[in-house]
Amino acid sequence: MMFISEVFRSKQGPVFSFEIFPPKREYPIETIYNTIEELVTLNPDFVSVTYGAAGGTKDRTVEIAGFIKNKWGKPPLAHLTCMGASEEAVLKILDDLASLGVKNILALRGDPPKEGPIHEGAFKYARDLVRFIKEEKPGAFCIGGAAYPEGHVEAPSMACDMLNLKKKVDEGVSFLITQLFFDNELFLSFRDVARSLGINIPITAGIMPVLNAKQISRMVSLCGASIPTALAHLIARYERDPEGLYEAGIEYAIKQIKGLIKEGADGIHLYTMNKPEVARRIMAEL
C-alpha cells in the first residue's frame, strides 16, 4: 500500500505523518539518514520530504524519498513546486520519482525568489501542476495539496482562498495538509467551511512545536500564522529561559494535537524540523 489516499481510507483513527527537509548542499546527503531512521522507528504512516528553498535541493528530495520507500518501506510524500518550472523539467522529476517507486506528490506552487526576477514557467498555480500530472501521468501518482486555515498570505480574502482551494481539489487532489497554526479553533472553522464547499477529502492538520522565540518570529513572518493569547503568554513567560520555552512549546503542541484528535481530525502532520527527539517526545504522549 503506497498511495497515501489508501492509508487514509484504511486506517482507523487519525493518520500520523512527519515532515523532514533535505540537508543543504554543503552537507553530505547521508547526514539525514540517521534522522530518518529515528523517525521511522516511531511508525508514522508516511514521511514527507520538502523541496528546499526555491527548489534548490529538488534532486535530494527525489533521492531521499526513494530512500524512505526502498530502505524502510514507508510511503514517502515528495514535495514538488512548479513556479518558474517548464513542463519538461516537471516531467523529468516525475519520471525520476516513478523510477524509485515514489507514488505520492505534494503539489505546490512554491515561493517566488527573494531576489531577482520571477521567471515565467508553464504553471501559474498549484492547480495547474495537479492538472498536468493527472493528464501526463494518469493513475501514476497520488497527489496531495496544501491548505491554509488562516488563508494564504497572498490571498485577498479567506473566501477567495477557499474558492481557489476548491478549484485545486477539483483538479484531482486526494488529501490536504494544512499550513502550521497555533489555534485549533481556526482549523475547525476552516474545516467546516471546506466541507460546506464540498471538499470532502481528508484534511490533515500541520503542527509545528514552538522551540525558540526566533523560530516563532520567523514562522509568523513567513506564513502569517497568528499567535493566540495562551501561546503569547508562554512566549513572554519564558522570554529569558530558552530551555523552559523548549519544554513549554512541546507541551503546547501535545495539547493542540490531543484537542485535534478529540475533534476528529483526519490526520496530524508534524513539522519535525529534522529533530527526532521532539517527535519522540510528542508521540510518547499520544
C-alpha atoms as a PDB file:
ATOM      1  CA  MET A   1       0.000   0.000   0.000  1.00  0.00           C
ATOM      2  CA  MET A   2       1.903   3.048  -1.203  1.00  0.00           C
ATOM      3  CA  PHE A   3      -0.802   5.557  -2.203  1.00  0.00           C
ATOM      4  CA  ILE A   4      -1.400   7.842   0.789  1.00  0.00           C
ATOM      5  CA  SER A   5      -5.078   8.100  -0.133  1.00  0.00           C
ATOM      6  CA  GLU A   6      -5.301   4.373   0.625  1.00  0.00           C
ATOM      7  CA  VAL A   7      -3.692   4.947   4.026  1.00  0.00           C
ATOM      8  CA  PHE A   8      -6.434   7.427   4.926  1.00  0.00           C
ATOM      9  CA  ARG A   9      -9.133   5.024   3.755  1.00  0.00           C
ATOM     10  CA  SER A  10      -7.797   2.012   5.609  1.00  0.00           C
ATOM     11  CA  LYS A  11      -6.675   3.405   8.954  1.00  0.00           C
ATOM     12  CA  GLN A  12      -8.897   3.584  11.986  1.00  0.00           C
ATOM     13  CA  GLY A  13      -8.294   6.923  13.681  1.00  0.00           C
ATOM     14  CA  PRO A  14      -6.072   9.784  12.574  1.00  0.00           C
ATOM     15  CA  VAL A  15      -3.140   9.337  10.200  1.00  0.00           C
ATOM     16  CA  PHE A  16       0.190  10.482  11.676  1.00  0.00           C
ATOM     17  CA  SER A  17       2.955  11.809   9.443  1.00  0.00           C
ATOM     18  CA  PHE A  18       6.277  13.622   9.726  1.00  0.00           C
ATOM     19  CA  GLU A  19       7.945  16.228   7.543  1.00  0.00           C
ATOM     20  CA  ILE A  20      11.692  16.464   7.004  1.00  0.00           C
ATOM     21  CA  PHE A  21      13.852  18.685   4.826  1.00  0.00           C
ATOM     22  CA  PRO A  22      16.964  17.757   2.815  1.00  0.00           C
ATOM     23  CA  PRO A  23      20.348  18.910   4.091  1.00  0.00           C
ATOM     24  CA  LYS A  24      21.913  21.895   2.350  1.00  0.00           C
ATOM     25  CA  ARG A  25      24.272  21.134  -0.491  1.00  0.00           C
ATOM     26  CA  GLU A  26      27.380  21.829   1.596  1.00  0.00           C
ATOM     27  CA  TYR A  27      26.481  18.827   3.755  1.00  0.00           C
ATOM     28  CA  PRO A  28      26.520  15.173   2.645  1.00  0.00           C
ATOM     29  CA  ILE A  29      23.064  13.799   1.925  1.00  0.00           C
ATOM     30  CA  GLU A  30      23.824  10.926   4.312  1.00  0.00           C
ATOM     31  CA  THR A  31      23.518  13.341   7.245  1.00  0.00           C
ATOM     32  CA  ILE A  32      19.737  12.967   7.002  1.00  0.00           C
ATOM     33  CA  TYR A  33      19.696   9.163   7.067  1.00  0.00           C
ATOM     34  CA  ASN A  34      20.062   8.781  10.843  1.00  0.00           C
ATOM     35  CA  THR A  35      17.258  11.292  11.319  1.00  0.00           C
ATOM     36  CA  ILE A  36      15.017   9.284   9.009  1.00  0.00           C
ATOM     37  CA  GLU A  37      15.862   6.057  10.827  1.00  0.00           C
ATOM     38  CA  GLU A  38      14.923   7.559  14.199  1.00  0.00           C
ATOM     39  CA  LEU A  39      11.676   8.956  12.833  1.00  0.00           C
ATOM     40  CA  VAL A  40      10.681   5.757  11.074  1.00  0.00           C
ATOM     41  CA  THR A  41      11.026   3.801  14.341  1.00  0.00           C
ATOM     42  CA  LEU A  42       8.134   5.965  15.638  1.00  0.00           C
ATOM     43  CA  ASN A  43       5.953   4.293  12.982  1.00  0.00           C
ATOM     44  CA  PRO A  44       4.497   7.242  11.074  1.00  0.00           C
ATOM     45  CA  ASP A  45       2.001   6.456   8.334  1.00  0.00           C
ATOM     46  CA  PHE A  46       4.071   8.448   5.838  1.00  0.00           C
ATOM     47  CA  VAL A  47       7.023  10.856   5.698  1.00  0.00           C
ATOM     48  CA  SER A  48       7.093  13.978   3.564  1.00  0.00           C
ATOM     49  CA  VAL A  49      10.271  15.479   2.106  1.00  0.00           C
ATOM     50  CA  THR A  50      10.346  19.194   1.336  1.00  0.00           C
ATOM     51  CA  TYR A  51      11.682  20.699  -1.862  1.00  0.00           C
ATOM     52  CA  GLY A  52      14.142  23.110  -0.291  1.00  0.00           C
ATOM     53  CA  ALA A  53      14.213  26.859  -0.721  1.00  0.00           C
ATOM     54  CA  ALA A  54      13.347  27.786  -4.323  1.00  0.00           C
ATOM     55  CA  GLY A  55      13.700  24.133  -5.302  1.00  0.00           C
ATOM     56  CA  GLY A  56      17.405  24.246  -4.520  1.00  0.00           C
ATOM     57  CA  THR A  57      17.535  20.667  -3.236  1.00  0.00           C
ATOM     58  CA  LYS A  58      14.993  19.092  -5.580  1.00  0.00           C
ATOM     59  CA  ASP A  59      17.332  16.297  -6.649  1.00  0.00           C
ATOM     60  CA  ARG A  60      17.915  15.476  -2.991  1.00  0.00           C
ATOM     61  CA  THR A  61      14.171  15.424  -2.386  1.00  0.00           C
ATOM     62  CA  VAL A  62      13.848  12.725  -5.036  1.00  0.00           C
ATOM     63  CA  GLU A  63      16.768  10.709  -3.649  1.00  0.00           C
ATOM     64  CA  ILE A  64      15.606  10.921  -0.033  1.00  0.00           C
ATOM     65  CA  ALA A  65      12.031   9.999  -0.947  1.00  0.00           C
ATOM     66  CA  GLY A  66      13.359   6.943  -2.767  1.00  0.00           C
ATOM     67  CA  PHE A  67      15.476   6.029   0.263  1.00  0.00           C
ATOM     68  CA  ILE A  68      12.440   6.175   2.569  1.00  0.00           C
ATOM     69  CA  LYS A  69      10.452   3.954   0.221  1.00  0.00           C
ATOM     70  CA  ASN A  70      13.108   1.384  -0.593  1.00  0.00           C
ATOM     71  CA  LYS A  71      15.033   1.222   2.691  1.00  0.00           C
ATOM     72  CA  TRP A  72      12.154   1.498   5.150  1.00  0.00           C
ATOM     73  CA  GLY A  73       9.056   0.613   3.137  1.00  0.00           C
ATOM     74  CA  LYS A  74       7.194   3.717   4.279  1.00  0.00           C
ATOM     75  CA  PRO A  75       5.135   5.778   1.818  1.00  0.00           C
ATOM     76  CA  PRO A  76       7.148   8.932   1.063  1.00  0.00           C
ATOM     77  CA  LEU A  77       5.472  12.173   0.042  1.00  0.00           C
ATOM     78  CA  ALA A  78       7.754  14.163  -2.264  1.00  0.00           C
ATOM     79  CA  HIS A  79       7.137  17.898  -2.397  1.00  0.00           C
ATOM     80  CA  LEU A  80       7.092  19.343  -5.918  1.00  0.00           C
ATOM     81  CA  THR A  81       6.921  23.064  -6.669  1.00  0.00           C
ATOM     82  CA  CYS A  82       6.117  24.494 -10.081  1.00  0.00           C
ATOM     83  CA  MET A  83       6.860  28.232 -10.002  1.00  0.00           C
ATOM     84  CA  GLY A  84       9.167  29.021 -12.911  1.00  0.00           C
ATOM     85  CA  ALA A  85       9.335  25.354 -13.989  1.00  0.00           C
ATOM     86  CA  SER A  86       8.939  24.067 -17.524  1.00  0.00           C
ATOM     87  CA  GLU A  87       6.767  21.098 -18.411  1.00  0.00           C
ATOM     88  CA  GLU A  88       9.919  19.202 -19.425  1.00  0.00           C
ATOM     89  CA  ALA A  89      11.550  19.804 -16.041  1.00  0.00           C
ATOM     90  CA  VAL A  90       8.480  18.603 -14.165  1.00  0.00           C
ATOM     91  CA  LEU A  91       8.190  15.513 -16.368  1.00  0.00           C
ATOM     92  CA  LYS A  92      11.831  14.682 -15.627  1.00  0.00           C
ATOM     93  CA  ILE A  93      11.185  14.817 -11.884  1.00  0.00           C
ATOM     94  CA  LEU A  94       8.038  12.722 -12.230  1.00  0.00           C
ATOM     95  CA  ASP A  95       9.981  10.096 -14.162  1.00  0.00           C
ATOM     96  CA  ASP A  96      12.772  10.118 -11.567  1.00  0.00           C
ATOM     97  CA  LEU A  97      10.252   9.628  -8.751  1.00  0.00           C
ATOM     98  CA  ALA A  98       8.468   6.832 -10.614  1.00  0.00           C
ATOM     99  CA  SER A  99      11.767   5.027 -11.243  1.00  0.00           C
ATOM    100  CA  LEU A 100      12.291   4.878  -7.459  1.00  0.00           C
ATOM    101  CA  GLY A 101       8.741   3.701  -6.759  1.00  0.00           C
ATOM    102  CA  VAL A 102       7.675   7.020  -5.232  1.00  0.00           C
ATOM    103  CA  LYS A 103       3.947   7.428  -5.902  1.00  0.00           C
ATOM    104  CA  ASN A 104       2.919  10.390  -3.740  1.00  0.00           C
ATOM    105  CA  ILE A 105       3.427  14.078  -4.519  1.00  0.00           C
ATOM    106  CA  LEU A 106       2.552  17.237  -2.621  1.00  0.00           C
ATOM    107  CA  ALA A 107       1.819  19.660  -5.458  1.00  0.00           C
ATOM    108  CA  LEU A 108       2.817  23.221  -4.571  1.00  0.00           C
ATOM    109  CA  ARG A 109       3.174  26.498  -6.375  1.00  0.00           C
ATOM    110  CA  GLY A 110       6.300  27.388  -4.437  1.00  0.00           C
ATOM    111  CA  ASP A 111       7.557  30.733  -3.228  1.00  0.00           C
ATOM    112  CA  PRO A 112       8.862  33.427  -5.556  1.00  0.00           C
ATOM    113  CA  PRO A 113      12.613  34.075  -5.385  1.00  0.00           C
ATOM    114  CA  LYS A 114      13.682  36.570  -2.717  1.00  0.00           C
ATOM    115  CA  GLU A 115      15.986  38.258  -5.185  1.00  0.00           C
ATOM    116  CA  GLY A 116      15.943  38.651  -8.946  1.00  0.00           C
ATOM    117  CA  PRO A 117      13.111  38.349 -11.446  1.00  0.00           C
ATOM    118  CA  ILE A 118      10.385  35.709 -11.403  1.00  0.00           C
ATOM    119  CA  HIS A 119      10.871  33.537 -14.476  1.00  0.00           C
ATOM    120  CA  GLU A 120       7.665  32.672 -16.246  1.00  0.00           C
ATOM    121  CA  GLY A 121       7.101  28.933 -16.343  1.00  0.00           C
ATOM    122  CA  ALA A 122       4.392  26.637 -17.584  1.00  0.00           C
ATOM    123  CA  PHE A 123       2.412  26.798 -14.342  1.00  0.00           C
ATOM    124  CA  LYS A 124       0.833  29.741 -12.547  1.00  0.00           C
ATOM    125  CA  TYR A 125      -0.884  27.940  -9.682  1.00  0.00           C
ATOM    126  CA  ALA A 126      -0.585  24.606  -7.887  1.00  0.00           C
ATOM    127  CA  ARG A 127      -3.835  23.514  -9.508  1.00  0.00           C
ATOM    128  CA  ASP A 128      -2.134  23.829 -12.906  1.00  0.00           C
ATOM    129  CA  LEU A 129       0.519  21.400 -11.693  1.00  0.00           C
ATOM    130  CA  VAL A 130      -2.152  18.996 -10.411  1.00  0.00           C
ATOM    131  CA  ARG A 131      -3.931  19.066 -13.775  1.00  0.00           C
ATOM    132  CA  PHE A 132      -0.653  18.493 -15.649  1.00  0.00           C
ATOM    133  CA  ILE A 133       0.301  15.452 -13.547  1.00  0.00           C
ATOM    134  CA  LYS A 134      -3.163  13.954 -13.939  1.00  0.00           C
ATOM    135  CA  GLU A 135      -3.077  14.440 -17.717  1.00  0.00           C
ATOM    136  CA  GLU A 136       0.523  13.336 -18.332  1.00  0.00           C
ATOM    137  CA  LYS A 137       0.745  10.504 -15.782  1.00  0.00           C
ATOM    138  CA  PRO A 138      -2.818   9.224 -15.286  1.00  0.00           C
ATOM    139  CA  GLY A 139      -3.063   6.861 -12.323  1.00  0.00           C
ATOM    140  CA  ALA A 140       0.667   7.000 -11.587  1.00  0.00           C
ATOM    141  CA  PHE A 141       0.626   9.344  -8.593  1.00  0.00           C
ATOM    142  CA  CYS A 142      -1.495  10.204  -5.577  1.00  0.00           C
ATOM    143  CA  ILE A 143      -1.478  13.994  -5.262  1.00  0.00           C
ATOM    144  CA  GLY A 144      -1.780  15.988  -2.061  1.00  0.00           C
ATOM    145  CA  GLY A 145      -2.295  19.722  -1.756  1.00  0.00           C
ATOM    146  CA  ALA A 146      -1.569  22.480   0.737  1.00  0.00           C
ATOM    147  CA  ALA A 147      -4.317  24.295   2.640  1.00  0.00           C
ATOM    148  CA  TYR A 148      -4.270  27.407   4.779  1.00  0.00           C
ATOM    149  CA  PRO A 149      -6.512  27.591   7.875  1.00  0.00           C
ATOM    150  CA  GLU A 150      -5.933  31.355   8.097  1.00  0.00           C
ATOM    151  CA  GLY A 151      -5.829  31.935   4.353  1.00  0.00           C
ATOM    152  CA  HIS A 152      -2.804  32.151   2.054  1.00  0.00           C
ATOM    153  CA  VAL A 153      -0.725  35.248   2.779  1.00  0.00           C
ATOM    154  CA  GLU A 154      -1.222  36.437  -0.819  1.00  0.00           C
ATOM    155  CA  ALA A 155      -4.971  35.800  -0.984  1.00  0.00           C
ATOM    156  CA  PRO A 156      -7.165  38.944  -0.996  1.00  0.00           C
ATOM    157  CA  SER A 157      -9.608  37.244   1.397  1.00  0.00           C
ATOM    158  CA  MET A 158     -10.296  33.976   3.170  1.00  0.00           C
ATOM    159  CA  ALA A 159     -13.335  33.413   0.951  1.00  0.00           C
ATOM    160  CA  CYS A 160     -11.222  33.816  -2.186  1.00  0.00           C
ATOM    161  CA  ASP A 161      -8.620  31.405  -0.845  1.00  0.00           C
ATOM    162  CA  MET A 162     -11.280  28.792  -0.063  1.00  0.00           C
ATOM    163  CA  LEU A 163     -12.707  29.013  -3.586  1.00  0.00           C
ATOM    164  CA  ASN A 164      -9.217  28.588  -5.025  1.00  0.00           C
ATOM    165  CA  LEU A 165      -8.722  25.569  -2.761  1.00  0.00           C
ATOM    166  CA  LYS A 166     -11.931  24.048  -4.117  1.00  0.00           C
ATOM    167  CA  LYS A 167     -10.650  24.527  -7.679  1.00  0.00           C
ATOM    168  CA  LYS A 168      -7.400  22.774  -6.779  1.00  0.00           C
ATOM    169  CA  VAL A 169      -9.222  19.863  -5.173  1.00  0.00           C
ATOM    170  CA  ASP A 170     -11.472  19.546  -8.212  1.00  0.00           C
ATOM    171  CA  GLU A 171      -8.396  19.106 -10.408  1.00  0.00           C
ATOM    172  CA  GLY A 172      -7.629  15.835  -8.628  1.00  0.00           C
ATOM    173  CA  VAL A 173      -6.108  16.366  -5.172  1.00  0.00           C
ATOM    174  CA  SER A 174      -6.661  13.337  -2.913  1.00  0.00           C
ATOM    175  CA  PHE A 175      -5.828  14.836   0.502  1.00  0.00           C
ATOM    176  CA  LEU A 176      -4.808  18.138   2.076  1.00  0.00           C
ATOM    177  CA  ILE A 177      -2.096  19.115   4.548  1.00  0.00           C
ATOM    178  CA  THR A 178      -2.510  22.441   6.283  1.00  0.00           C
ATOM    179  CA  GLN A 179      -0.004  25.158   6.939  1.00  0.00           C
ATOM    180  CA  LEU A 180       1.026  25.331  10.588  1.00  0.00           C
ATOM    181  CA  PHE A 181      -1.368  27.009  13.012  1.00  0.00           C
ATOM    182  CA  PHE A 182      -1.479  27.500  16.771  1.00  0.00           C
ATOM    183  CA  ASP A 183      -5.209  27.921  17.415  1.00  0.00           C
ATOM    184  CA  ASN A 184      -7.338  24.815  16.926  1.00  0.00           C
ATOM    185  CA  GLU A 185     -10.499  26.884  16.526  1.00  0.00           C
ATOM    186  CA  LEU A 186      -9.077  28.312  13.303  1.00  0.00           C
ATOM    187  CA  PHE A 187      -8.549  24.806  11.932  1.00  0.00           C
ATOM    188  CA  LEU A 188     -12.019  23.645  12.941  1.00  0.00           C
ATOM    189  CA  SER A 189     -13.648  26.694  11.361  1.00  0.00           C
ATOM    190  CA  PHE A 190     -11.613  26.167   8.194  1.00  0.00           C
ATOM    191  CA  ARG A 191     -12.634  22.503   8.074  1.00  0.00           C
ATOM    192  CA  ASP A 192     -16.317  23.391   8.445  1.00  0.00           C
ATOM    193  CA  VAL A 193     -16.129  25.829   5.543  1.00  0.00           C
ATOM    194  CA  ALA A 194     -14.219  23.317   3.408  1.00  0.00           C
ATOM    195  CA  ARG A 195     -16.874  20.665   3.983  1.00  0.00           C
ATOM    196  CA  SER A 196     -19.640  23.158   3.165  1.00  0.00           C
ATOM    197  CA  LEU A 197     -17.940  23.764  -0.204  1.00  0.00           C
ATOM    198  CA  GLY A 198     -17.910  20.054  -1.000  1.00  0.00           C
ATOM    199  CA  ILE A 199     -14.248  19.488  -0.119  1.00  0.00           C
ATOM    200  CA  ASN A 200     -14.685  16.006   1.309  1.00  0.00           C
ATOM    201  CA  ILE A 201     -11.165  14.617   1.037  1.00  0.00           C
ATOM    202  CA  PRO A 202      -9.042  14.051   4.183  1.00  0.00           C
ATOM    203  CA  ILE A 203      -7.641  17.216   5.772  1.00  0.00           C
ATOM    204  CA  THR A 204      -4.610  16.635   7.976  1.00  0.00           C
ATOM    205  CA  ALA A 205      -3.521  19.316  10.434  1.00  0.00           C
ATOM    206  CA  GLY A 206       0.010  20.686  10.251  1.00  0.00           C
ATOM    207  CA  ILE A 207       1.572  21.172  13.685  1.00  0.00           C
ATOM    208  CA  MET A 208       4.936  22.787  14.452  1.00  0.00           C
ATOM    209  CA  PRO A 209       6.131  22.815  18.070  1.00  0.00           C
ATOM    210  CA  VAL A 210       7.459  26.188  19.210  1.00  0.00           C
ATOM    211  CA  LEU A 211      11.004  25.520  20.390  1.00  0.00           C
ATOM    212  CA  ASN A 212      12.532  29.003  20.486  1.00  0.00           C
ATOM    213  CA  ALA A 213      11.472  32.625  20.137  1.00  0.00           C
ATOM    214  CA  LYS A 214      13.456  33.210  16.938  1.00  0.00           C
ATOM    215  CA  GLN A 215      11.691  30.302  15.251  1.00  0.00           C
ATOM    216  CA  ILE A 216       8.216  31.555  16.114  1.00  0.00           C
ATOM    217  CA  SER A 217       9.031  35.028  14.808  1.00  0.00           C
ATOM    218  CA  ARG A 218      10.292  33.600  11.532  1.00  0.00           C
ATOM    219  CA  MET A 219       7.311  31.290  11.064  1.00  0.00           C
ATOM    220  CA  VAL A 220       4.812  34.072  11.687  1.00  0.00           C
ATOM    221  CA  SER A 221       6.541  36.360   9.194  1.00  0.00           C
ATOM    222  CA  LEU A 222       6.668  33.635   6.527  1.00  0.00           C
ATOM    223  CA  CYS A 223       3.180  32.177   6.713  1.00  0.00           C
ATOM    224  CA  GLY A 224       1.156  34.721   8.627  1.00  0.00           C
ATOM    225  CA  ALA A 225       0.086  32.333  11.392  1.00  0.00           C
ATOM    226  CA  SER A 226      -1.500  34.185  14.299  1.00  0.00           C
ATOM    227  CA  ILE A 227      -0.384  33.756  17.893  1.00  0.00           C
ATOM    228  CA  PRO A 228      -3.259  33.007  20.304  1.00  0.00           C
ATOM    229  CA  THR A 229      -3.224  34.553  23.764  1.00  0.00           C
ATOM    230  CA  ALA A 230      -2.219  31.348  25.562  1.00  0.00           C
ATOM    231  CA  LEU A 231       0.846  30.902  23.362  1.00  0.00           C
ATOM    232  CA  ALA A 232       1.766  34.584  23.586  1.00  0.00           C
ATOM    233  CA  HIS A 233       1.743  34.276  27.379  1.00  0.00           C
ATOM    234  CA  LEU A 234       4.027  31.235  27.175  1.00  0.00           C
ATOM    235  CA  ILE A 235       6.494  33.040  24.945  1.00  0.00           C
ATOM    236  CA  ALA A 236       6.523  36.058  27.262  1.00  0.00           C
ATOM    237  CA  ARG A 237       6.867  33.900  30.366  1.00  0.00           C
ATOM    238  CA  TYR A 238       9.928  32.075  29.048  1.00  0.00           C
ATOM    239  CA  GLU A 239      11.455  35.018  27.193  1.00  0.00           C
ATOM    240  CA  ARG A 240      14.726  34.651  29.132  1.00  0.00           C
ATOM    241  CA  ASP A 241      14.523  30.894  29.635  1.00  0.00           C
ATOM    242  CA  PRO A 242      15.242  29.025  26.359  1.00  0.00           C
ATOM    243  CA  GLU A 243      15.059  25.600  27.998  1.00  0.00           C
ATOM    244  CA  GLY A 244      11.752  26.448  29.623  1.00  0.00           C
ATOM    245  CA  LEU A 245      10.312  27.647  26.305  1.00  0.00           C
ATOM    246  CA  TYR A 246      11.501  24.445  24.613  1.00  0.00           C
ATOM    247  CA  GLU A 247       9.641  22.318  27.151  1.00  0.00           C
ATOM    248  CA  ALA A 248       6.571  24.542  27.158  1.00  0.00           C
ATOM    249  CA  GLY A 249       6.479  24.534  23.358  1.00  0.00           C
ATOM    250  CA  ILE A 250       6.417  20.753  23.228  1.00  0.00           C
ATOM    251  CA  GLU A 251       3.661  20.633  25.840  1.00  0.00           C
ATOM    252  CA  TYR A 252       1.638  23.181  23.880  1.00  0.00           C
ATOM    253  CA  ALA A 253       1.942  21.081  20.711  1.00  0.00           C
ATOM    254  CA  ILE A 254       0.879  17.936  22.588  1.00  0.00           C
ATOM    255  CA  LYS A 255      -2.188  19.728  23.952  1.00  0.00           C
ATOM    256  CA  GLN A 256      -3.004  21.019  20.466  1.00  0.00           C
ATOM    257  CA  ILE A 257      -2.749  17.543  18.942  1.00  0.00           C
ATOM    258  CA  LYS A 258      -4.863  15.912  21.646  1.00  0.00           C
ATOM    259  CA  GLY A 259      -7.537  18.537  21.062  1.00  0.00           C
ATOM    260  CA  LEU A 260      -7.484  17.928  17.311  1.00  0.00           C
ATOM    261  CA  ILE A 261      -7.760  14.164  17.779  1.00  0.00           C
ATOM    262  CA  LYS A 262     -10.742  14.705  20.078  1.00  0.00           C
ATOM    263  CA  GLU A 263     -12.366  16.807  17.342  1.00  0.00           C
ATOM    264  CA  GLY A 264     -11.923  14.025  14.792  1.00  0.00           C
ATOM    265  CA  ALA A 265      -9.041  15.405  12.705  1.00  0.00           C
ATOM    266  CA  ASP A 266      -8.267  13.127   9.747  1.00  0.00           C
ATOM    267  CA  GLY A 267      -4.558  13.359  10.406  1.00  0.00           C
ATOM    268  CA  ILE A 268      -1.710  15.079  12.219  1.00  0.00           C
ATOM    269  CA  HIS A 269       1.305  16.195  10.187  1.00  0.00           C
ATOM    270  CA  LEU A 270       4.234  17.059  12.442  1.00  0.00           C
ATOM    271  CA  TYR A 271       6.779  19.540  11.122  1.00  0.00           C
ATOM    272  CA  THR A 272       9.762  17.871  12.810  1.00  0.00           C
ATOM    273  CA  MET A 273      12.451  20.381  11.768  1.00  0.00           C
ATOM    274  CA  ASN A 274      14.680  17.283  11.492  1.00  0.00           C
ATOM    275  CA  LYS A 275      14.582  16.836  15.286  1.00  0.00           C
ATOM    276  CA  PRO A 276      13.652  13.208  16.038  1.00  0.00           C
ATOM    277  CA  GLU A 277      13.825  13.818  19.778  1.00  0.00           C
ATOM    278  CA  VAL A 278      10.926  16.274  19.546  1.00  0.00           C
ATOM    279  CA  ALA A 279       8.814  13.828  17.545  1.00  0.00           C
ATOM    280  CA  ARG A 280       9.668  11.065  20.032  1.00  0.00           C
ATOM    281  CA  ARG A 281       8.537  13.175  22.988  1.00  0.00           C
ATOM    282  CA  ILE A 282       5.258  14.064  21.318  1.00  0.00           C
ATOM    283  CA  MET A 283       4.439  10.561  20.107  1.00  0.00           C
ATOM    284  CA  ALA A 284       5.164   9.104  23.539  1.00  0.00           C
ATOM    285  CA  GLU A 285       2.462  11.354  24.997  1.00  0.00           C
ATOM    286  CA  LEU A 286      -0.070  10.277  22.385  1.00  0.00           C
END
